[in-house]
N, C-alpha and C. Protein backbone atom coordinates (compact mmCIF):
# COMPACT_ATOMS: atom_id res chain seq x y z
N PRO A 1 0.83 -1.21 0.00
CA PRO A 1 0.00 0.00 0.00
C PRO A 1 0.86 1.25 0.00
N SER A 2 0.28 2.32 -0.50
CA SER A 2 0.96 3.61 -0.56
C SER A 2 0.04 4.66 0.07
N VAL A 3 0.60 5.46 0.99
CA VAL A 3 -0.17 6.50 1.66
C VAL A 3 0.58 7.81 1.54
N SER A 4 -0.13 8.88 1.14
CA SER A 4 0.49 10.21 1.12
C SER A 4 -0.51 11.23 1.64
N ILE A 5 0.01 12.23 2.32
CA ILE A 5 -0.82 13.31 2.85
C ILE A 5 -0.27 14.62 2.30
N SER A 6 -1.14 15.44 1.74
CA SER A 6 -0.70 16.70 1.17
C SER A 6 -1.65 17.83 1.53
N LEU A 7 -1.13 19.04 1.54
CA LEU A 7 -1.90 20.24 1.79
C LEU A 7 -2.47 20.72 0.47
N VAL A 8 -3.77 20.98 0.44
CA VAL A 8 -4.44 21.40 -0.79
C VAL A 8 -4.96 22.81 -0.61
N PRO A 9 -4.51 23.76 -1.44
CA PRO A 9 -5.01 25.13 -1.32
C PRO A 9 -6.48 25.20 -1.76
N SER A 10 -7.21 26.07 -1.12
CA SER A 10 -8.61 26.26 -1.47
C SER A 10 -8.74 27.31 -2.56
N SER A 11 -9.68 27.10 -3.45
CA SER A 11 -9.91 28.11 -4.49
C SER A 11 -10.79 29.24 -3.96
N SER A 12 -11.49 28.99 -2.84
CA SER A 12 -12.42 30.00 -2.32
C SER A 12 -11.89 30.74 -1.10
N GLN A 13 -10.78 30.28 -0.51
CA GLN A 13 -10.23 30.92 0.67
C GLN A 13 -8.75 31.20 0.47
N PRO A 14 -8.23 32.31 1.04
CA PRO A 14 -6.82 32.63 0.85
C PRO A 14 -5.86 31.73 1.62
N SER A 15 -6.32 31.11 2.70
CA SER A 15 -5.42 30.26 3.49
C SER A 15 -5.60 28.80 3.10
N PRO A 16 -4.56 27.97 3.32
CA PRO A 16 -4.71 26.53 3.04
C PRO A 16 -5.87 25.98 3.84
N SER A 17 -6.70 25.18 3.20
CA SER A 17 -7.90 24.77 3.90
C SER A 17 -8.19 23.28 3.86
N CYS A 18 -7.36 22.48 3.23
CA CYS A 18 -7.66 21.05 3.15
C CYS A 18 -6.40 20.21 3.24
N LEU A 19 -6.54 19.06 3.90
CA LEU A 19 -5.51 18.03 3.89
C LEU A 19 -6.08 16.86 3.11
N LEU A 20 -5.30 16.33 2.19
CA LEU A 20 -5.73 15.22 1.35
C LEU A 20 -4.89 13.99 1.67
N CYS A 21 -5.55 12.90 2.02
CA CYS A 21 -4.87 11.63 2.23
C CYS A 21 -5.20 10.72 1.05
N SER A 22 -4.17 10.27 0.35
CA SER A 22 -4.34 9.37 -0.79
C SER A 22 -3.87 7.98 -0.38
N LEU A 23 -4.76 7.02 -0.47
CA LEU A 23 -4.45 5.63 -0.16
C LEU A 23 -4.51 4.86 -1.46
N MET A 24 -3.40 4.25 -1.85
CA MET A 24 -3.33 3.59 -3.15
C MET A 24 -2.83 2.15 -3.00
N ASP A 25 -3.30 1.31 -3.87
CA ASP A 25 -2.81 -0.07 -4.02
C ASP A 25 -2.91 -0.88 -2.74
N PHE A 26 -4.08 -0.84 -2.08
CA PHE A 26 -4.23 -1.64 -0.87
C PHE A 26 -5.25 -2.75 -1.08
N CYS A 27 -5.13 -3.78 -0.30
CA CYS A 27 -6.01 -4.92 -0.35
C CYS A 27 -5.92 -5.61 1.01
N PRO A 28 -6.99 -6.04 1.61
CA PRO A 28 -8.37 -6.12 1.14
C PRO A 28 -9.05 -4.76 1.16
N ALA A 29 -10.26 -4.73 0.66
CA ALA A 29 -10.98 -3.47 0.49
C ALA A 29 -11.46 -2.87 1.81
N GLN A 30 -11.56 -3.66 2.86
CA GLN A 30 -12.04 -3.17 4.15
C GLN A 30 -10.96 -2.30 4.79
N LEU A 31 -11.17 -1.00 4.74
CA LEU A 31 -10.19 -0.05 5.26
C LEU A 31 -10.95 1.10 5.90
N GLN A 32 -10.43 1.59 6.99
CA GLN A 32 -11.06 2.73 7.66
C GLN A 32 -9.99 3.79 7.88
N LEU A 33 -10.27 5.01 7.42
CA LEU A 33 -9.36 6.13 7.64
C LEU A 33 -10.09 7.18 8.46
N ARG A 34 -9.46 7.63 9.54
CA ARG A 34 -10.06 8.65 10.39
C ARG A 34 -9.02 9.72 10.65
N TRP A 35 -9.47 10.98 10.69
CA TRP A 35 -8.62 12.12 11.01
C TRP A 35 -8.80 12.48 12.48
N PHE A 36 -7.69 12.79 13.15
CA PHE A 36 -7.73 13.20 14.55
C PHE A 36 -6.94 14.48 14.73
N GLN A 37 -7.37 15.30 15.68
CA GLN A 37 -6.60 16.44 16.16
C GLN A 37 -6.46 16.22 17.66
N GLY A 38 -5.24 15.90 18.10
CA GLY A 38 -5.07 15.44 19.47
C GLY A 38 -5.75 14.10 19.59
N GLN A 39 -6.66 13.97 20.55
CA GLN A 39 -7.40 12.72 20.70
C GLN A 39 -8.84 12.84 20.22
N GLN A 40 -9.17 13.98 19.59
CA GLN A 40 -10.53 14.20 19.12
C GLN A 40 -10.63 13.85 17.63
N GLU A 41 -11.59 12.99 17.30
CA GLU A 41 -11.82 12.63 15.90
C GLU A 41 -12.52 13.78 15.20
N LEU A 42 -12.07 14.09 13.99
CA LEU A 42 -12.64 15.17 13.18
C LEU A 42 -13.50 14.56 12.08
N SER A 43 -14.72 14.21 12.41
CA SER A 43 -15.57 13.51 11.46
C SER A 43 -16.48 14.43 10.66
N GLY A 44 -16.80 15.60 11.18
CA GLY A 44 -17.77 16.47 10.52
C GLY A 44 -17.24 17.18 9.30
N ARG A 45 -15.93 17.24 9.14
CA ARG A 45 -15.34 17.99 8.02
C ARG A 45 -14.59 17.06 7.06
N VAL A 46 -15.01 15.82 6.96
CA VAL A 46 -14.32 14.82 6.15
C VAL A 46 -15.17 14.46 4.93
N VAL A 47 -14.52 14.44 3.78
CA VAL A 47 -15.17 14.03 2.53
C VAL A 47 -14.30 12.93 1.91
N ALA A 48 -14.93 11.84 1.49
CA ALA A 48 -14.17 10.71 0.92
C ALA A 48 -14.78 10.31 -0.42
N THR A 49 -13.92 9.82 -1.30
CA THR A 49 -14.40 9.24 -2.54
C THR A 49 -14.95 7.86 -2.24
N ASP A 50 -15.66 7.31 -3.20
CA ASP A 50 -16.03 5.91 -3.10
C ASP A 50 -14.76 5.08 -3.27
N LEU A 51 -14.78 3.87 -2.77
CA LEU A 51 -13.67 2.95 -2.94
C LEU A 51 -13.55 2.62 -4.43
N VAL A 52 -12.36 2.79 -4.99
CA VAL A 52 -12.15 2.58 -6.43
C VAL A 52 -11.28 1.35 -6.65
N PRO A 53 -11.81 0.32 -7.34
CA PRO A 53 -10.97 -0.84 -7.67
C PRO A 53 -10.00 -0.50 -8.79
N ASN A 54 -8.76 -0.93 -8.65
CA ASN A 54 -7.73 -0.67 -9.66
C ASN A 54 -7.75 -1.68 -10.80
N GLY A 55 -8.46 -2.78 -10.64
CA GLY A 55 -8.50 -3.79 -11.69
C GLY A 55 -7.45 -4.88 -11.51
N ASN A 56 -6.62 -4.76 -10.48
CA ASN A 56 -5.59 -5.77 -10.22
C ASN A 56 -5.70 -6.29 -8.79
N TRP A 57 -6.93 -6.34 -8.27
CA TRP A 57 -7.24 -6.81 -6.91
C TRP A 57 -6.83 -5.81 -5.83
N THR A 58 -6.44 -4.59 -6.21
CA THR A 58 -6.13 -3.56 -5.22
C THR A 58 -7.13 -2.42 -5.38
N TYR A 59 -7.10 -1.49 -4.43
CA TYR A 59 -8.08 -0.41 -4.39
C TYR A 59 -7.37 0.91 -4.11
N GLN A 60 -8.12 2.01 -4.31
CA GLN A 60 -7.64 3.33 -3.95
C GLN A 60 -8.77 4.14 -3.34
N LEU A 61 -8.39 5.12 -2.50
CA LEU A 61 -9.35 5.94 -1.79
C LEU A 61 -8.71 7.30 -1.52
N LEU A 62 -9.48 8.36 -1.71
CA LEU A 62 -9.04 9.72 -1.38
C LEU A 62 -9.94 10.24 -0.28
N VAL A 63 -9.32 10.78 0.78
CA VAL A 63 -10.09 11.32 1.92
C VAL A 63 -9.58 12.73 2.19
N LEU A 64 -10.50 13.69 2.15
CA LEU A 64 -10.18 15.11 2.30
C LEU A 64 -10.70 15.61 3.63
N LEU A 65 -9.84 16.33 4.36
CA LEU A 65 -10.24 16.97 5.61
C LEU A 65 -10.23 18.46 5.41
N GLU A 66 -11.40 19.10 5.58
CA GLU A 66 -11.48 20.55 5.53
C GLU A 66 -10.97 21.08 6.86
N THR A 67 -9.89 21.84 6.82
CA THR A 67 -9.30 22.35 8.05
C THR A 67 -9.90 23.69 8.41
N ALA A 68 -9.87 24.02 9.68
CA ALA A 68 -10.37 25.31 10.15
C ALA A 68 -9.35 26.38 9.82
N SER A 69 -9.80 27.58 9.54
CA SER A 69 -8.88 28.69 9.30
C SER A 69 -9.27 29.83 10.21
N GLY A 70 -8.36 30.73 10.44
CA GLY A 70 -8.66 31.90 11.26
C GLY A 70 -7.89 31.89 12.57
N ALA A 71 -8.09 32.95 13.36
CA ALA A 71 -7.37 33.12 14.62
C ALA A 71 -7.70 31.99 15.59
N GLY A 72 -6.68 31.50 16.27
CA GLY A 72 -6.87 30.47 17.27
C GLY A 72 -6.97 29.08 16.70
N SER A 73 -6.85 28.94 15.42
CA SER A 73 -6.96 27.62 14.80
C SER A 73 -5.63 26.90 14.85
N ALA A 74 -5.69 25.59 15.01
CA ALA A 74 -4.47 24.78 14.98
C ALA A 74 -3.89 24.72 13.59
N TRP A 75 -4.68 25.06 12.57
CA TRP A 75 -4.23 24.95 11.19
C TRP A 75 -3.69 26.25 10.63
N SER A 76 -3.91 27.37 11.31
CA SER A 76 -3.49 28.65 10.72
C SER A 76 -2.03 28.93 10.96
């Protein structure tokens, strides 16, 4: 499996606003990805693609976390 996390700039906001986790070439298909800040799960701001089969018995998944911006934010 291959995992990468990258910062994605927003087209609607001046500050970076998304973290993208790319999961590639994994098997079996049962996989769970969760975002945490400290010990708190960040479930309300998560968007994921459907599980995509690669055609060679492996899968891929993209999971995007919309980060908070502004004063006092851990992401600013």
